[in-house]
Structures are given as C-alpha cells and as structure tokens.
Protein backbone atom coordinates (compact mmCIF):
# COMPACT_ATOMS: atom_id res chain seq x y z
CA MET A 1 -30.68 -4.64 5.47
CA LYS A 2 -28.23 -7.27 4.23
CA ALA A 3 -26.99 -7.22 0.65
CA PRO A 4 -28.36 -10.05 -1.55
CA THR A 5 -26.32 -13.18 -2.12
CA LEU A 6 -25.39 -14.58 -5.52
CA CYS A 7 -27.87 -17.44 -5.02
CA GLN A 8 -30.65 -14.94 -4.36
CA VAL A 9 -29.79 -12.94 -7.48
CA LEU A 10 -29.72 -16.07 -9.65
CA ARG A 11 -33.00 -17.29 -8.19
CA GLU A 12 -34.85 -13.97 -8.43
CA PHE A 13 -33.53 -12.93 -11.85
CA GLY A 14 -33.27 -16.28 -13.59
CA ASN A 15 -35.21 -15.34 -16.73
CA ASP A 16 -35.60 -12.44 -19.12
CA ASP A 17 -39.10 -11.46 -17.98
CA THR A 18 -38.20 -10.94 -14.30
CA CYS A 19 -35.10 -8.97 -15.33
CA ARG A 20 -37.13 -6.68 -17.57
CA GLU A 21 -39.74 -6.12 -14.87
CA TYR A 22 -37.00 -5.10 -12.43
CA LEU A 23 -35.35 -2.73 -14.93
CA GLU A 24 -38.71 -1.18 -15.80
CA ALA A 25 -39.38 -0.49 -12.12
CA LEU A 26 -35.97 1.17 -11.80
CA ARG A 27 -36.27 3.24 -14.97
CA TRP A 28 -39.91 4.24 -14.58
CA PRO A 29 -40.83 4.06 -10.87
CA ASP A 30 -44.13 5.92 -11.48
CA ARG A 31 -45.17 5.20 -15.07
CA VAL A 32 -43.57 4.38 -18.42
CA MET A 33 -42.52 7.51 -20.31
CA CYS A 34 -41.58 7.71 -23.98
CA PRO A 35 -37.83 8.49 -24.21
CA ARG A 36 -38.44 10.49 -27.39
CA CYS A 37 -41.42 12.76 -26.53
CA ASP A 38 -41.91 12.14 -22.78
CA SER A 39 -45.51 11.12 -23.30
CA PRO A 40 -47.02 8.78 -20.68
CA LYS A 41 -49.59 7.43 -23.15
CA MET A 42 -48.29 3.99 -23.95
CA SER A 43 -49.33 0.60 -25.30
CA ARG A 44 -47.40 -2.55 -24.48
CA VAL A 45 -46.52 -4.96 -27.31
CA TYR A 46 -46.14 -8.14 -25.28
CA ASP A 47 -44.88 -10.52 -27.96
CA ARG A 48 -42.00 -8.17 -28.86
CA LYS A 49 -41.30 -6.91 -25.31
CA VAL A 50 -41.55 -3.27 -26.40
CA PHE A 51 -43.77 -0.26 -25.79
CA ASP A 52 -45.55 1.71 -28.49
CA CYS A 53 -45.95 5.44 -27.83
CA ASP A 54 -49.50 6.55 -28.62
CA SER A 55 -48.30 10.12 -29.22
CA CYS A 56 -45.29 9.80 -31.56
CA ARG A 57 -45.58 6.08 -32.45
CA TYR A 58 -42.00 5.44 -31.31
CA GLN A 59 -41.43 1.84 -30.27
CA PHE A 60 -38.90 1.16 -27.55
CA SER A 61 -37.95 -1.31 -24.83
CA VAL A 62 -36.65 -0.73 -21.32
CA LEU A 63 -33.14 -1.21 -22.74
CA ALA A 64 -33.44 1.58 -25.33
CA GLY A 65 -30.78 4.27 -25.03
CA THR A 66 -28.96 2.44 -22.25
CA VAL A 67 -25.67 0.55 -22.09
CA LEU A 68 -27.74 -2.66 -22.43
CA GLN A 69 -29.26 -1.62 -25.76
CA ASP A 70 -29.02 -4.25 -28.53
CA THR A 71 -27.25 -6.69 -26.23
CA LYS A 72 -27.06 -10.26 -27.52
CA LEU A 73 -26.49 -11.60 -24.03
CA PRO A 74 -29.36 -12.88 -21.86
CA LEU A 75 -30.33 -10.36 -19.21
CA PRO A 76 -29.71 -12.88 -16.38
CA THR A 77 -26.06 -12.91 -17.53
CA TRP A 78 -25.92 -9.13 -17.11
CA PHE A 79 -27.44 -9.37 -13.65
CA ALA A 80 -25.08 -12.13 -12.50
CA THR A 81 -21.96 -10.40 -13.86
CA THR A 82 -22.96 -7.08 -12.33
CA TYR A 83 -23.36 -8.79 -8.97
CA LEU A 84 -19.95 -10.48 -9.27
CA MET A 85 -18.26 -7.15 -10.09
CA CYS A 86 -20.03 -5.42 -7.21
CA GLU A 87 -19.06 -8.03 -4.64
CA SER A 88 -15.49 -8.85 -5.77
CA ARG A 89 -13.48 -6.57 -3.51
CA LYS A 90 -10.35 -6.79 -5.64
CA GLY A 91 -12.20 -7.02 -8.93
CA ILE A 92 -12.87 -9.96 -11.23
CA SER A 93 -11.14 -10.60 -14.54
CA ALA A 94 -12.85 -11.08 -17.89
CA ASN A 95 -11.21 -14.52 -18.05
CA GLN A 96 -12.89 -15.49 -14.79
CA VAL A 97 -16.23 -14.08 -15.94
CA SER A 98 -15.91 -16.06 -19.19
CA ARG A 99 -15.34 -19.28 -17.26
CA MET A 100 -18.28 -18.62 -14.92
CA ILE A 101 -20.94 -17.42 -17.37
CA GLY A 102 -19.73 -19.08 -20.56
CA GLY A 103 -18.92 -17.50 -23.90
CA SER A 104 -15.71 -16.07 -25.27
CA TYR A 105 -13.15 -13.87 -23.53
CA LYS A 106 -13.99 -11.04 -25.95
CA THR A 107 -17.67 -11.18 -24.99
CA ALA A 108 -16.85 -11.19 -21.27
CA TRP A 109 -14.33 -8.34 -21.69
CA TYR A 110 -16.88 -6.18 -23.52
CA LEU A 111 -19.55 -6.99 -20.94
CA CYS A 112 -17.29 -6.05 -18.02
CA HIS A 113 -16.28 -2.76 -19.63
CA ARG A 114 -19.89 -1.75 -20.19
CA ILE A 115 -20.61 -2.38 -16.53
CA ARG A 116 -17.47 -0.39 -15.60
CA ALA A 117 -18.78 2.49 -17.71
CA ALA A 118 -21.75 2.63 -15.32
CA MET A 119 -19.49 2.52 -12.27
CA LYS A 120 -18.55 6.15 -12.66
CA GLU A 121 -19.78 9.18 -10.81
CA ALA A 122 -20.81 11.81 -13.35
CA MET A 123 -20.23 14.86 -11.13
CA PRO A 124 -18.79 13.77 -7.77
CA LEU A 125 -18.91 16.34 -4.98
CA PRO A 126 -15.60 17.92 -3.85
CA LEU A 127 -13.94 16.32 -0.84
CA GLY A 128 -13.50 18.16 2.45
CA GLY A 129 -12.44 17.56 6.03
CA THR A 130 -9.08 15.85 6.44
CA LEU A 131 -7.62 14.63 3.15
CA GLU A 132 -4.71 12.37 2.30
CA ILE A 133 -3.10 12.81 -1.11
CA ASP A 134 -0.45 10.57 -2.63
CA GLU A 135 0.71 9.12 -5.92
CA THR A 136 1.72 5.64 -7.01
CA TYR A 137 2.92 3.84 -10.10
CA VAL A 138 1.46 0.78 -11.79
CA GLY A 139 2.80 -1.27 -14.67
CA GLY A 140 5.66 -3.58 -15.53
CA LYS A 141 8.69 -4.17 -13.38
CA GLN A 142 11.71 -1.99 -14.03
CA HIS A 143 15.29 -3.14 -14.04
CA GLY A 144 18.69 -1.48 -14.17
CA LYS A 145 20.09 1.79 -12.97
CA GLY A 146 17.96 4.92 -12.83
CA THR A 147 14.65 3.05 -12.53
CA ARG A 148 13.94 3.51 -8.83
CA GLY A 149 11.84 6.28 -7.31
CA ARG A 150 9.37 8.34 -9.31
CA SER A 151 10.26 6.92 -12.73
CA LEU A 152 7.66 6.79 -15.51
CA LYS A 153 9.60 4.29 -17.58
CA SER A 154 7.11 1.48 -18.41
CA LYS A 155 4.79 2.63 -15.61
CA GLU A 156 1.63 4.72 -15.33
CA VAL A 157 0.90 7.36 -12.68
CA VAL A 158 -2.12 7.05 -10.40
CA ILE A 159 -2.97 9.98 -8.12
CA GLY A 160 -5.13 9.24 -5.10
CA ILE A 161 -7.14 11.52 -2.81
CA LYS A 162 -8.87 10.03 0.23
CA GLN A 163 -11.11 11.73 2.76
CA ARG A 164 -10.65 10.45 6.30
CA GLY A 165 -13.79 8.44 7.02
CA GLY A 166 -15.13 9.31 3.57
CA GLU A 167 -14.68 8.81 -0.13
CA LEU A 168 -11.76 7.86 -2.35
CA ARG A 169 -10.71 9.17 -5.76
CA PHE A 170 -8.18 7.66 -8.19
CA PHE A 171 -6.92 9.40 -11.34
CA HIS A 172 -4.73 8.22 -14.20
CA ALA A 173 -2.26 11.09 -14.64
CA SER A 174 0.42 11.83 -17.21
CA ASP A 175 3.07 12.79 -14.62
CA VAL A 176 3.56 14.05 -11.06
CA LYS A 177 4.55 17.62 -11.86
CA SER A 178 3.10 20.31 -9.62
CA GLY A 179 0.81 21.59 -12.39
CA THR A 180 -0.67 18.13 -12.94
CA LEU A 181 -1.20 17.58 -9.22
CA ALA A 182 -2.75 21.04 -8.94
CA LYS A 183 -5.33 20.20 -11.62
CA TYR A 184 -6.69 17.18 -9.75
CA ILE A 185 -6.53 18.94 -6.39
CA LYS A 186 -8.44 21.96 -7.69
CA GLU A 187 -11.14 19.81 -9.30
CA ASN A 188 -11.70 17.51 -6.32
CA VAL A 189 -10.91 19.42 -3.11
CA SER A 190 -13.55 21.69 -1.61
CA GLU A 191 -12.85 25.20 -0.36
CA ASP A 192 -13.72 24.28 3.22
CA VAL A 193 -11.14 21.47 3.52
CA ASP A 194 -9.55 21.44 7.00
CA VAL A 195 -6.12 19.90 6.45
CA ILE A 196 -4.28 18.12 3.65
CA MET A 197 -1.74 15.42 4.45
CA THR A 198 0.91 14.24 1.99
CA ASP A 199 4.38 12.77 2.06
CA ASP A 200 7.39 15.07 1.69
CA PHE A 201 7.49 14.95 -2.11
CA GLY A 202 8.57 18.44 -3.20
CA ALA A 203 5.84 18.92 -5.81
CA TYR A 204 3.00 19.12 -3.28
CA PRO A 205 3.58 22.61 -1.77
CA PRO A 206 3.64 24.37 -5.19
CA ALA A 207 0.74 22.18 -6.39
CA LEU A 208 -1.43 23.26 -3.46
CA ALA A 209 -0.47 26.89 -4.07
CA LYS A 210 -1.37 26.64 -7.78
CA ALA A 211 -4.70 25.01 -6.87
CA GLY A 212 -5.49 27.89 -4.54
CA VAL A 213 -5.84 25.67 -1.49
CA LEU A 214 -5.56 27.72 1.71
CA ALA A 215 -5.96 24.82 4.15
CA GLU A 216 -3.16 23.63 6.40
CA HIS A 217 -0.69 21.33 4.67
CA ARG A 218 1.12 18.72 6.77
CA ALA A 219 3.79 16.45 5.29
CA ILE A 220 4.98 13.15 6.77
CA LYS A 221 8.72 12.60 6.16
CA HIS A 222 8.82 9.31 4.32
CA SER A 223 12.34 10.17 3.17
CA ASP A 224 13.44 9.85 6.80
CA GLY A 225 11.59 6.57 7.30
CA VAL A 226 8.74 8.17 9.26
CA TYR A 227 5.25 6.91 8.35
CA VAL A 228 3.14 7.85 11.39
CA ASP A 229 3.52 10.95 13.57
CA GLY A 230 0.46 11.24 15.84
CA ASP A 231 -2.50 11.72 13.51
CA LEU A 232 -0.21 12.68 10.64
CA THR A 233 -0.06 9.80 8.16
CA THR A 234 -0.96 8.88 4.60
CA ASN A 235 -1.60 5.24 5.48
CA GLY A 236 -5.25 5.55 4.44
CA ILE A 237 -4.55 6.38 0.80
CA GLU A 238 -1.63 3.95 0.74
CA SER A 239 -3.95 1.15 1.90
CA ALA A 240 -6.26 2.03 -0.99
CA PHE A 241 -3.30 1.86 -3.39
CA SER A 242 -2.44 -1.54 -1.93
CA LEU A 243 -5.98 -2.77 -2.67
CA LEU A 244 -5.69 -1.47 -6.24
CA LYS A 245 -2.38 -3.24 -6.82
CA ARG A 246 -3.68 -6.49 -5.37
CA GLY A 247 -6.54 -6.21 -7.86
CA ILE A 248 -4.13 -5.68 -10.74
CA VAL A 249 -1.73 -8.47 -9.72
CA GLY A 250 -4.22 -10.96 -8.31
CA SER A 251 -7.39 -10.44 -10.36
CA TRP A 252 -6.93 -8.50 -13.60
CA HIS A 253 -3.24 -9.47 -14.04
CA LYS A 254 -2.71 -6.97 -16.85
CA ILE A 255 -4.25 -3.57 -17.56
CA SER A 256 -3.53 -1.40 -20.59
CA ALA A 257 -2.80 2.28 -20.06
CA LYS A 258 -5.72 3.02 -22.42
CA HIS A 259 -8.30 1.43 -20.11
CA LEU A 260 -6.64 2.13 -16.75
CA SER A 261 -9.12 4.92 -15.91
CA ALA A 262 -12.05 2.49 -16.28
CA TYR A 263 -10.52 0.10 -13.75
CA LEU A 264 -9.80 3.00 -11.39
CA ASN A 265 -13.44 4.10 -11.64
CA GLU A 266 -14.58 0.57 -10.82
CA MET A 267 -12.27 0.32 -7.82
CA THR A 268 -13.28 3.70 -6.38
CA PHE A 269 -17.00 3.08 -6.99
CA ARG A 270 -16.83 -0.21 -5.13
CA PHE A 271 -14.70 1.26 -2.32
CA ASN A 272 -17.02 4.23 -1.82
CA ASN A 273 -20.03 1.89 -1.68
CA ARG A 274 -18.40 -0.74 0.52
CA SER A 275 -21.05 -0.30 3.24
CA ASN A 276 -23.99 0.17 0.89
CA PRO A 277 -26.47 -2.73 1.25
CA TYR A 278 -28.17 -1.54 -1.95
CA LEU A 279 -25.02 -1.60 -4.07
CA PHE A 280 -26.39 -4.16 -6.56
CA ARG A 281 -29.65 -2.24 -7.00
CA ASP A 282 -27.83 1.09 -7.33
CA THR A 283 -25.45 -0.35 -9.93
CA MET A 284 -28.35 -1.73 -11.97
CA GLN A 285 -29.90 1.75 -11.76
CA LYS A 286 -26.72 3.24 -13.17
CA LEU A 287 -26.68 0.68 -15.99
CA ILE A 288 -29.99 1.98 -17.33
CA GLU A 289 -28.79 5.59 -16.93
CA THR A 290 -25.55 4.98 -18.86
CA PRO A 291 -25.67 5.57 -22.63
CA VAL A 292 -24.77 3.02 -25.28
CA LEU A 293 -21.08 2.04 -25.42
CA GLU A 294 -20.34 0.40 -28.77
CA TYR A 295 -17.45 -2.05 -29.08
CA LYS A 296 -15.85 -0.09 -31.92
CA ASN A 297 -15.76 3.03 -29.74
CA LEU A 298 -14.37 1.11 -26.78
CA ILE A 299 -11.38 -0.21 -28.74
CA ALA A 300 -10.84 2.95 -30.81
CA ALA A 301 -7.56 4.77 -30.32
C-alpha cells in the first residue's frame, strides 16, 4: 500500500469533524471508553463535541489527556503539519511550517515540538545482530589551535548505534568517555548481539567491557585512512550522521542543546519508519497516546 499524499490528507481531513472521527477510531477502535473510570456507557453531546460518561458524569473529548488537549489550532492544521514532518526526510523547520500553515513562529515551534514528543519510542527493544557504533559532534564551527578532533568546545556529542539492515538510535551525550559510552551500549545492545563494529577510538574497548558485552568487537582504522575492509565498516552509522547534519544545516539551521534530544528522536523515528506505508496513521496514533506537553514545561530550564 502506498503512503498518502499531502493532497489526499488535505482533502480527507479538511475539517474538524472528519479529523475527530479519525482520532476517535484510532483511540477507541471498539467503543468509546471513559478515560476516568473505563466505563463504556456513554452519551454524546454533539453541540460541544464531547462525551458524557453515564457512570461518573465526566465529560471529555477525544483530545482529553493527549498532546492535542486544549489546542487552539484547527485539527486540520495538526494533521497537515504531522504529515509534513513525517514525509520531510531531513526535517522541516518551524519557520517553514509557519509560512505554510500560517500563524506565528512561536505557534509553529510549539506545534512541531508537540509532534516530536510523540515521535519517541517509549521502550525500544535492544538491538542485535551486527551493530555499528560511532560518535559525532554538532554545533558551531570551531577556530584556532586545539579545536580539531574530539573537542567539546561549542559542540554537542551525539552517539549513534545502527543495526545492519535494522534500526537506528541517536543519543545526546555529555562526553565520549568510556563510562558514558558504556551506559548507552548497555541500555540498547542485546545480549545476543553477533558483532560490534566501531572505529579505532580508544574508548570503545573499555566501554564494551564495562557494558558487559561479550560479542566480537572489530575496529576499522580510521586513523590510518582505512574506511572499508571487507565487511568491516562504520559507513552505515556515518551515513545516518550525514543525514542528521544535513537536517541541521539545511532544514532546522540552528538547534539548542536543550532540545537536541527531541530532534534526534524525530530523526530516528522517521529513519526507522522509512519503509512504513502507514507512517502517518501510526504517528497520529502516537499523538493521542502522548500526554499533554504544556508550553511552560517545554521552555522550562
């Protein structure tokens, strides 16, 4: 099945009623249930677009308790923006969203971050098979002596783990010390992993030991200018890093360290669902499963 086009989404979800019907079908595929007492005994209040629970008298809409709760934006705007974020391979900026859907930059920025909050796997399964692990640095350009290599001056660390033929994970890390690497490896690598491939950065052997990984470790000698040696390479994770950086430079332009993790979640969610023809539907499903994200909490320190 082919994924829907933007024209199809705009045509099918062009008003509030059709959007609500779609969300109701996603949230309650069998029958409407009260989110407070789980009772199925319900009355619909049509003029207010809410349900009235016959058991506890709680009134609620399909948006109650979700990231869409109390939104002032029309639901078709949510649907269109979600589609744009799903289908923009390198991401789409809040400025671009503002120009396309109207409204202020602040409104578009808040909207995009609420959708990003849904683009996060709650408990992703550990990765196995053949894994590539690497680290990269994002942020402003550095100048002067002592700024080359693994310098954290004005840059942020991103650790990447990619399963050959499988999923990708990005993490915003504080540094590239062996203990930090070990934490992400232990949390995301399964016990039955076959082989782990990295470059020849010296922190990886002790990191794998601290994480308790017993799988074979093979390192490609980037320091000697070698990037492919038979099937030994980290080109897969480096290609993913390249996509991330093209998103930062070409689409988002500037990302704060505070919100970097949200953009990494968006990029990995879209990458891992790149062949999913139901990506739009699945993302809308996650929107109604994601709790409220208030603006004051989003910008809080």
